[in-house]
Amino acid sequence: IMTIYTWVAKGAWFALGYPYDFIVVPVWIPSAMLLDLTYWATRRNKHAAIIIG
């Protein structure tokens, strides 16, 4: 999963340049971690998937 996040981050970095990257990264990392946590939660608990979904 994290490889997709890094690929998208690199894509945005190359497309929009350095200054934009510094703005996005502080927001991007917590949201990526949050999605990772929800993913692992749904893997463990199928009922959580229904609540989130």
PDB file of N, CA and C in Angstrom:
ATOM      1  N   ILE A   1       0.843  -1.210   0.000  1.00  0.00           N
ATOM      2  CA  ILE A   1       0.000   0.000   0.000  1.00  0.00           C
ATOM      3  C   ILE A   1       0.875   1.255   0.000  1.00  0.00           C
ATOM      4  N   MET A   2       1.900   1.284   0.803  1.00  0.00           N
ATOM      5  CA  MET A   2       2.756   2.467   0.935  1.00  0.00           C
ATOM      6  C   MET A   2       3.487   2.803  -0.371  1.00  0.00           C
ATOM      7  N   THR A   3       3.739   1.807  -1.195  1.00  0.00           N
ATOM      8  CA  THR A   3       4.402   2.068  -2.479  1.00  0.00           C
ATOM      9  C   THR A   3       3.533   2.935  -3.388  1.00  0.00           C
ATOM     10  N   ILE A   4       2.219   2.758  -3.298  1.00  0.00           N
ATOM     11  CA  ILE A   4       1.280   3.571  -4.080  1.00  0.00           C
ATOM     12  C   ILE A   4       1.319   5.024  -3.604  1.00  0.00           C
ATOM     13  N   TYR A   5       1.372   5.212  -2.286  1.00  0.00           N
ATOM     14  CA  TYR A   5       1.429   6.563  -1.712  1.00  0.00           C
ATOM     15  C   TYR A   5       2.699   7.292  -2.150  1.00  0.00           C
ATOM     16  N   THR A   6       3.831   6.601  -2.089  1.00  0.00           N
ATOM     17  CA  THR A   6       5.100   7.214  -2.482  1.00  0.00           C
ATOM     18  C   THR A   6       5.113   7.534  -3.973  1.00  0.00           C
ATOM     19  N   TRP A   7       4.522   6.648  -4.792  1.00  0.00           N
ATOM     20  CA  TRP A   7       4.453   6.860  -6.239  1.00  0.00           C
ATOM     21  C   TRP A   7       3.624   8.096  -6.567  1.00  0.00           C
ATOM     22  N   VAL A   8       2.485   8.245  -5.904  1.00  0.00           N
ATOM     23  CA  VAL A   8       1.614   9.405  -6.119  1.00  0.00           C
ATOM     24  C   VAL A   8       2.293  10.677  -5.620  1.00  0.00           C
ATOM     25  N   ALA A   9       2.961  10.584  -4.468  1.00  0.00           N
ATOM     26  CA  ALA A   9       3.676  11.736  -3.908  1.00  0.00           C
ATOM     27  C   ALA A   9       4.797  12.187  -4.846  1.00  0.00           C
ATOM     28  N   LYS A  10       5.531  11.227  -5.413  1.00  0.00           N
ATOM     29  CA  LYS A  10       6.592  11.546  -6.369  1.00  0.00           C
ATOM     30  C   LYS A  10       6.019  12.153  -7.641  1.00  0.00           C
ATOM     31  N   GLY A  11       4.874  11.634  -8.071  1.00  0.00           N
ATOM     32  CA  GLY A  11       4.210  12.166  -9.256  1.00  0.00           C
ATOM     33  C   GLY A  11       3.803  13.613  -9.074  1.00  0.00           C
ATOM     34  N   ALA A  12       3.236  13.915  -7.905  1.00  0.00           N
ATOM     35  CA  ALA A  12       2.835  15.284  -7.587  1.00  0.00           C
ATOM     36  C   ALA A  12       4.063  16.184  -7.457  1.00  0.00           C
ATOM     37  N   TRP A  13       5.142  15.623  -6.887  1.00  0.00           N
ATOM     38  CA  TRP A  13       6.385  16.367  -6.682  1.00  0.00           C
ATOM     39  C   TRP A  13       7.002  16.780  -8.019  1.00  0.00           C
ATOM     40  N   PHE A  14       7.048  15.856  -8.955  1.00  0.00           N
ATOM     41  CA  PHE A  14       7.617  16.151 -10.274  1.00  0.00           C
ATOM     42  C   PHE A  14       6.714  17.060 -11.105  1.00  0.00           C
ATOM     43  N   ALA A  15       5.409  16.901 -10.954  1.00  0.00           N
ATOM     44  CA  ALA A  15       4.464  17.676 -11.752  1.00  0.00           C
ATOM     45  C   ALA A  15       4.340  19.121 -11.271  1.00  0.00           C
ATOM     46  N   LEU A  16       4.331  19.298  -9.954  1.00  0.00           N
ATOM     47  CA  LEU A  16       4.026  20.618  -9.397  1.00  0.00           C
ATOM     48  C   LEU A  16       5.236  21.333  -8.789  1.00  0.00           C
ATOM     49  N   GLY A  17       6.336  20.615  -8.614  1.00  0.00           N
ATOM     50  CA  GLY A  17       7.556  21.256  -8.141  1.00  0.00           C
ATOM     51  C   GLY A  17       7.781  21.144  -6.644  1.00  0.00           C
ATOM     52  N   TYR A  18       8.912  21.666  -6.196  1.00  0.00           N
ATOM     53  CA  TYR A  18       9.340  21.552  -4.800  1.00  0.00           C
ATOM     54  C   TYR A  18       8.419  22.216  -3.781  1.00  0.00           C
ATOM     55  N   PRO A  19       8.017  23.502  -3.975  1.00  0.00           N
ATOM     56  CA  PRO A  19       7.244  24.188  -2.915  1.00  0.00           C
ATOM     57  C   PRO A  19       5.940  23.476  -2.575  1.00  0.00           C
ATOM     58  N   TYR A  20       5.277  22.931  -3.587  1.00  0.00           N
ATOM     59  CA  TYR A  20       4.003  22.248  -3.377  1.00  0.00           C
ATOM     60  C   TYR A  20       4.193  20.976  -2.539  1.00  0.00           C
ATOM     61  N   ASP A  21       5.325  20.311  -2.764  1.00  0.00           N
ATOM     62  CA  ASP A  21       5.637  19.084  -2.034  1.00  0.00           C
ATOM     63  C   ASP A  21       5.714  19.334  -0.528  1.00  0.00           C
ATOM     64  N   PHE A  22       6.317  20.453  -0.153  1.00  0.00           N
ATOM     65  CA  PHE A  22       6.453  20.792   1.270  1.00  0.00           C
ATOM     66  C   PHE A  22       5.110  21.114   1.921  1.00  0.00           C
ATOM     67  N   ILE A  23       4.151  21.566   1.116  1.00  0.00           N
ATOM     68  CA  ILE A  23       2.805  21.852   1.635  1.00  0.00           C
ATOM     69  C   ILE A  23       2.019  20.548   1.790  1.00  0.00           C
ATOM     70  N   VAL A  24       2.154  19.653   0.810  1.00  0.00           N
ATOM     71  CA  VAL A  24       1.347  18.428   0.782  1.00  0.00           C
ATOM     72  C   VAL A  24       1.812  17.386   1.796  1.00  0.00           C
ATOM     73  N   VAL A  25       3.135  17.191   1.910  1.00  0.00           N
ATOM     74  CA  VAL A  25       3.679  16.119   2.757  1.00  0.00           C
ATOM     75  C   VAL A  25       3.158  16.126   4.197  1.00  0.00           C
ATOM     76  N   PRO A  26       3.124  17.285   4.903  1.00  0.00           N
ATOM     77  CA  PRO A  26       2.592  17.270   6.274  1.00  0.00           C
ATOM     78  C   PRO A  26       1.137  16.821   6.368  1.00  0.00           C
ATOM     79  N   VAL A  27       0.359  17.037   5.314  1.00  0.00           N
ATOM     80  CA  VAL A  27      -1.040  16.596   5.283  1.00  0.00           C
ATOM     81  C   VAL A  27      -1.120  15.150   4.779  1.00  0.00           C
ATOM     82  N   TRP A  28      -0.274  14.828   3.814  1.00  0.00           N
ATOM     83  CA  TRP A  28      -0.288  13.531   3.136  1.00  0.00           C
ATOM     84  C   TRP A  28       0.057  12.377   4.074  1.00  0.00           C
ATOM     85  N   ILE A  29       1.113  12.555   4.906  1.00  0.00           N
ATOM     86  CA  ILE A  29       1.593  11.476   5.778  1.00  0.00           C
ATOM     87  C   ILE A  29       0.531  11.018   6.790  1.00  0.00           C
ATOM     88  N   PRO A  30      -0.121  11.932   7.545  1.00  0.00           N
ATOM     89  CA  PRO A  30      -1.150  11.469   8.494  1.00  0.00           C
ATOM     90  C   PRO A  30      -2.347  10.808   7.818  1.00  0.00           C
ATOM     91  N   SER A  31      -2.753  11.318   6.670  1.00  0.00           N
ATOM     92  CA  SER A  31      -3.890  10.733   5.955  1.00  0.00           C
ATOM     93  C   SER A  31      -3.538   9.339   5.431  1.00  0.00           C
ATOM     94  N   ALA A  32      -2.302   9.172   4.969  1.00  0.00           N
ATOM     95  CA  ALA A  32      -1.830   7.866   4.508  1.00  0.00           C
ATOM     96  C   ALA A  32      -1.779   6.868   5.659  1.00  0.00           C
ATOM     97  N   MET A  33      -1.291   7.328   6.811  1.00  0.00           N
ATOM     98  CA  MET A  33      -1.229   6.493   8.005  1.00  0.00           C
ATOM     99  C   MET A  33      -2.628   6.122   8.488  1.00  0.00           C
ATOM    100  N   LEU A  34      -3.548   7.074   8.390  1.00  0.00           N
ATOM    101  CA  LEU A  34      -4.936   6.843   8.802  1.00  0.00           C
ATOM    102  C   LEU A  34      -5.586   5.775   7.920  1.00  0.00           C
ATOM    103  N   LEU A  35      -5.361   5.875   6.609  1.00  0.00           N
ATOM    104  CA  LEU A  35      -5.892   4.886   5.676  1.00  0.00           C
ATOM    105  C   LEU A  35      -5.270   3.514   5.909  1.00  0.00           C
ATOM    106  N   ASP A  36      -3.978   3.514   6.250  1.00  0.00           N
ATOM    107  CA  ASP A  36      -3.301   2.267   6.581  1.00  0.00           C
ATOM    108  C   ASP A  36      -3.908   1.615   7.819  1.00  0.00           C
ATOM    109  N   LEU A  37      -4.178   2.430   8.837  1.00  0.00           N
ATOM    110  CA  LEU A  37      -4.770   1.929  10.080  1.00  0.00           C
ATOM    111  C   LEU A  37      -6.168   1.367   9.855  1.00  0.00           C
ATOM    112  N   THR A  38      -6.969   2.065   9.066  1.00  0.00           N
ATOM    113  CA  THR A  38      -8.328   1.592   8.758  1.00  0.00           C
ATOM    114  C   THR A  38      -8.273   0.304   7.940  1.00  0.00           C
ATOM    115  N   TYR A  39      -7.279   0.215   7.057  1.00  0.00           N
ATOM    116  CA  TYR A  39      -7.098  -0.998   6.257  1.00  0.00           C
ATOM    117  C   TYR A  39      -6.798  -2.211   7.140  1.00  0.00           C
ATOM    118  N   TRP A  40      -5.861  -2.028   8.077  1.00  0.00           N
ATOM    119  CA  TRP A  40      -5.507  -3.129   8.977  1.00  0.00           C
ATOM    120  C   TRP A  40      -6.648  -3.463   9.927  1.00  0.00           C
ATOM    121  N   ALA A  41      -7.417  -2.453  10.331  1.00  0.00           N
ATOM    122  CA  ALA A  41      -8.578  -2.670  11.203  1.00  0.00           C
ATOM    123  C   ALA A  41      -9.641  -3.505  10.490  1.00  0.00           C
ATOM    124  N   THR A  42      -9.866  -3.201   9.217  1.00  0.00           N
ATOM    125  CA  THR A  42     -10.855  -3.946   8.435  1.00  0.00           C
ATOM    126  C   THR A  42     -10.366  -5.368   8.146  1.00  0.00           C
ATOM    127  N   ARG A  43      -9.056  -5.523   8.021  1.00  0.00           N
ATOM    128  CA  ARG A  43      -8.478  -6.860   7.826  1.00  0.00           C
ATOM    129  C   ARG A  43      -8.753  -7.744   9.045  1.00  0.00           C
ATOM    130  N   ARG A  44      -8.634  -7.143  10.227  1.00  0.00           N
ATOM    131  CA  ARG A  44      -8.833  -7.881  11.475  1.00  0.00           C
ATOM    132  C   ARG A  44     -10.315  -8.062  11.793  1.00  0.00           C
ATOM    133  N   ASN A  45     -11.068  -7.003  11.604  1.00  0.00           N
ATOM    134  CA  ASN A  45     -12.474  -7.016  12.010  1.00  0.00           C
ATOM    135  C   ASN A  45     -13.375  -6.696  10.816  1.00  0.00           C
ATOM    136  N   LYS A  46     -14.146  -7.649  10.400  1.00  0.00           N
ATOM    137  CA  LYS A  46     -15.025  -7.464   9.244  1.00  0.00           C
ATOM    138  C   LYS A  46     -16.184  -6.514   9.558  1.00  0.00           C
ATOM    139  N   HIS A  47     -16.574  -6.446  10.808  1.00  0.00           N
ATOM    140  CA  HIS A  47     -17.649  -5.543  11.222  1.00  0.00           C
ATOM    141  C   HIS A  47     -17.221  -4.077  11.092  1.00  0.00           C
ATOM    142  N   ALA A  48     -15.944  -3.813  11.317  1.00  0.00           N
ATOM    143  CA  ALA A  48     -15.394  -2.468  11.164  1.00  0.00           C
ATOM    144  C   ALA A  48     -15.496  -2.004   9.707  1.00  0.00           C
ATOM    145  N   ALA A  49     -15.328  -2.940   8.787  1.00  0.00           N
ATOM    146  CA  ALA A  49     -15.435  -2.631   7.355  1.00  0.00           C
ATOM    147  C   ALA A  49     -16.839  -2.148   7.000  1.00  0.00           C
ATOM    148  N   ILE A  50     -17.834  -2.746   7.641  1.00  0.00           N
ATOM    149  CA  ILE A  50     -19.228  -2.354   7.394  1.00  0.00           C
ATOM    150  C   ILE A  50     -19.492  -0.950   7.957  1.00  0.00           C
ATOM    151  N   ILE A  51     -18.928  -0.682   9.137  1.00  0.00           N
ATOM    152  CA  ILE A  51     -19.127   0.629   9.787  1.00  0.00           C
ATOM    153  C   ILE A  51     -18.448   1.737   8.966  1.00  0.00           C
ATOM    154  N   ILE A  52     -17.199   1.484   8.555  1.00  0.00           N
ATOM    155  CA  ILE A  52     -16.442   2.472   7.775  1.00  0.00           C
ATOM    156  C   ILE A  52     -17.067   2.630   6.386  1.00  0.00           C
ATOM    157  N   GLY A  53     -17.444   1.508   5.800  1.00  0.00           N
ATOM    158  CA  GLY A  53     -18.032   1.510   4.453  1.00  0.00           C
ATOM    159  C   GLY A  53     -19.415   2.135   4.491  1.00  0.00           C
TER     160      GLY A  53
END
